[in-house]
Amino acid sequence: MKRIGATKFKEQCLALLDHLDADGLVITKHGKPVARVLPYDSQDADLIGSLKHKITIRGDIFSTGVRWDADAES
């Protein structure tokens, strides 16, 4: 994992983020780690909306289909 000082990170932040590898980056102050920057795992995010126009919803998806009266006595 690559280590970089906070001052250098501040100067080069955007460039460093553009070339961030899977191991990420450790930011240090006076040689001591203070933060770690990791790439965002977008694998799961790619699934959002992937079934649009591929499935059809029928009925009320917010219902179990069972009717009940919460106020009724047992």
Protein backbone atom coordinates (compact mmCIF):
# COMPACT_ATOMS: atom_id res chain seq x y z
CA MET A 1 0.00 0.00 0.00
CA LYS A 2 1.42 3.36 -1.02
CA ARG A 3 2.04 5.98 1.68
CA ILE A 4 1.98 9.72 1.12
CA GLY A 5 2.29 12.76 3.36
CA ALA A 6 -0.79 14.90 3.97
CA THR A 7 0.78 17.98 2.37
CA LYS A 8 1.67 16.13 -0.82
CA PHE A 9 -1.78 14.50 -0.86
CA LYS A 10 -3.39 17.93 -0.59
CA GLU A 11 -1.33 19.23 -3.52
CA GLN A 12 -1.96 16.22 -5.76
CA CYS A 13 -5.34 14.96 -4.52
CA LEU A 14 -7.22 14.82 -7.83
CA ALA A 15 -4.34 13.21 -9.73
CA LEU A 16 -3.84 10.65 -6.96
CA LEU A 17 -7.55 9.75 -6.97
CA ASP A 18 -7.49 9.31 -10.75
CA HIS A 19 -4.74 6.70 -10.42
CA LEU A 20 -5.80 4.99 -7.19
CA ASP A 21 -5.05 1.26 -7.28
CA ALA A 22 -6.96 -1.51 -5.50
CA ASP A 23 -4.70 -1.36 -2.43
CA GLY A 24 -5.53 2.27 -1.81
CA LEU A 25 -3.41 4.96 -0.27
CA VAL A 26 -2.31 5.72 3.31
CA ILE A 27 -2.07 9.40 4.21
CA THR A 28 0.47 10.25 6.88
CA LYS A 29 1.28 13.20 9.10
CA HIS A 30 4.81 13.32 10.48
CA GLY A 31 5.28 9.73 9.31
CA LYS A 32 2.26 8.37 11.22
CA PRO A 33 -0.78 7.03 9.36
CA VAL A 34 -3.89 9.20 9.83
CA ALA A 35 -6.19 8.08 7.01
CA ARG A 36 -6.61 5.50 4.30
CA VAL A 37 -8.20 6.16 0.92
CA LEU A 38 -9.67 3.12 -0.83
CA PRO A 39 -11.30 2.91 -4.25
CA TYR A 40 -15.08 2.67 -4.17
CA ASP A 41 -16.27 -0.81 -5.13
CA SER A 42 -18.83 -0.08 -7.81
CA GLN A 43 -19.48 -3.73 -8.65
CA ASP A 44 -22.72 -3.79 -6.65
CA ALA A 45 -23.71 -0.32 -7.83
CA ASP A 46 -23.69 -1.60 -11.41
CA LEU A 47 -26.58 -3.92 -10.53
CA ILE A 48 -28.89 -1.03 -9.68
CA GLY A 49 -31.27 -0.59 -12.58
CA SER A 50 -29.79 -3.48 -14.54
CA LEU A 51 -33.18 -5.22 -14.83
CA LYS A 52 -35.04 -2.14 -16.06
CA HIS A 53 -37.31 -3.10 -18.98
CA LYS A 54 -36.51 -6.79 -18.37
CA ILE A 55 -39.07 -7.66 -15.71
CA THR A 56 -42.76 -6.95 -15.25
CA ILE A 57 -44.30 -6.28 -11.86
CA ARG A 58 -47.83 -7.57 -11.41
CA GLY A 59 -49.97 -6.79 -8.39
CA ASP A 60 -49.09 -4.88 -5.28
CA ILE A 61 -45.44 -5.52 -4.39
CA PHE A 62 -45.97 -3.84 -1.01
CA SER A 63 -48.57 -6.38 0.14
CA THR A 64 -48.39 -9.97 1.33
CA GLY A 65 -51.77 -10.63 -0.23
CA VAL A 66 -53.24 -11.46 3.18
CA ARG A 67 -56.02 -9.17 4.38
CA TRP A 68 -56.30 -8.52 8.09
CA ASP A 69 -57.86 -6.06 10.48
CA ALA A 70 -55.51 -4.86 13.20
CA ASP A 71 -58.42 -3.48 15.25
CA ALA A 72 -60.35 -6.78 15.33
CA GLU A 73 -60.52 -8.70 18.59
CA SER A 74 -59.27 -12.27 18.63
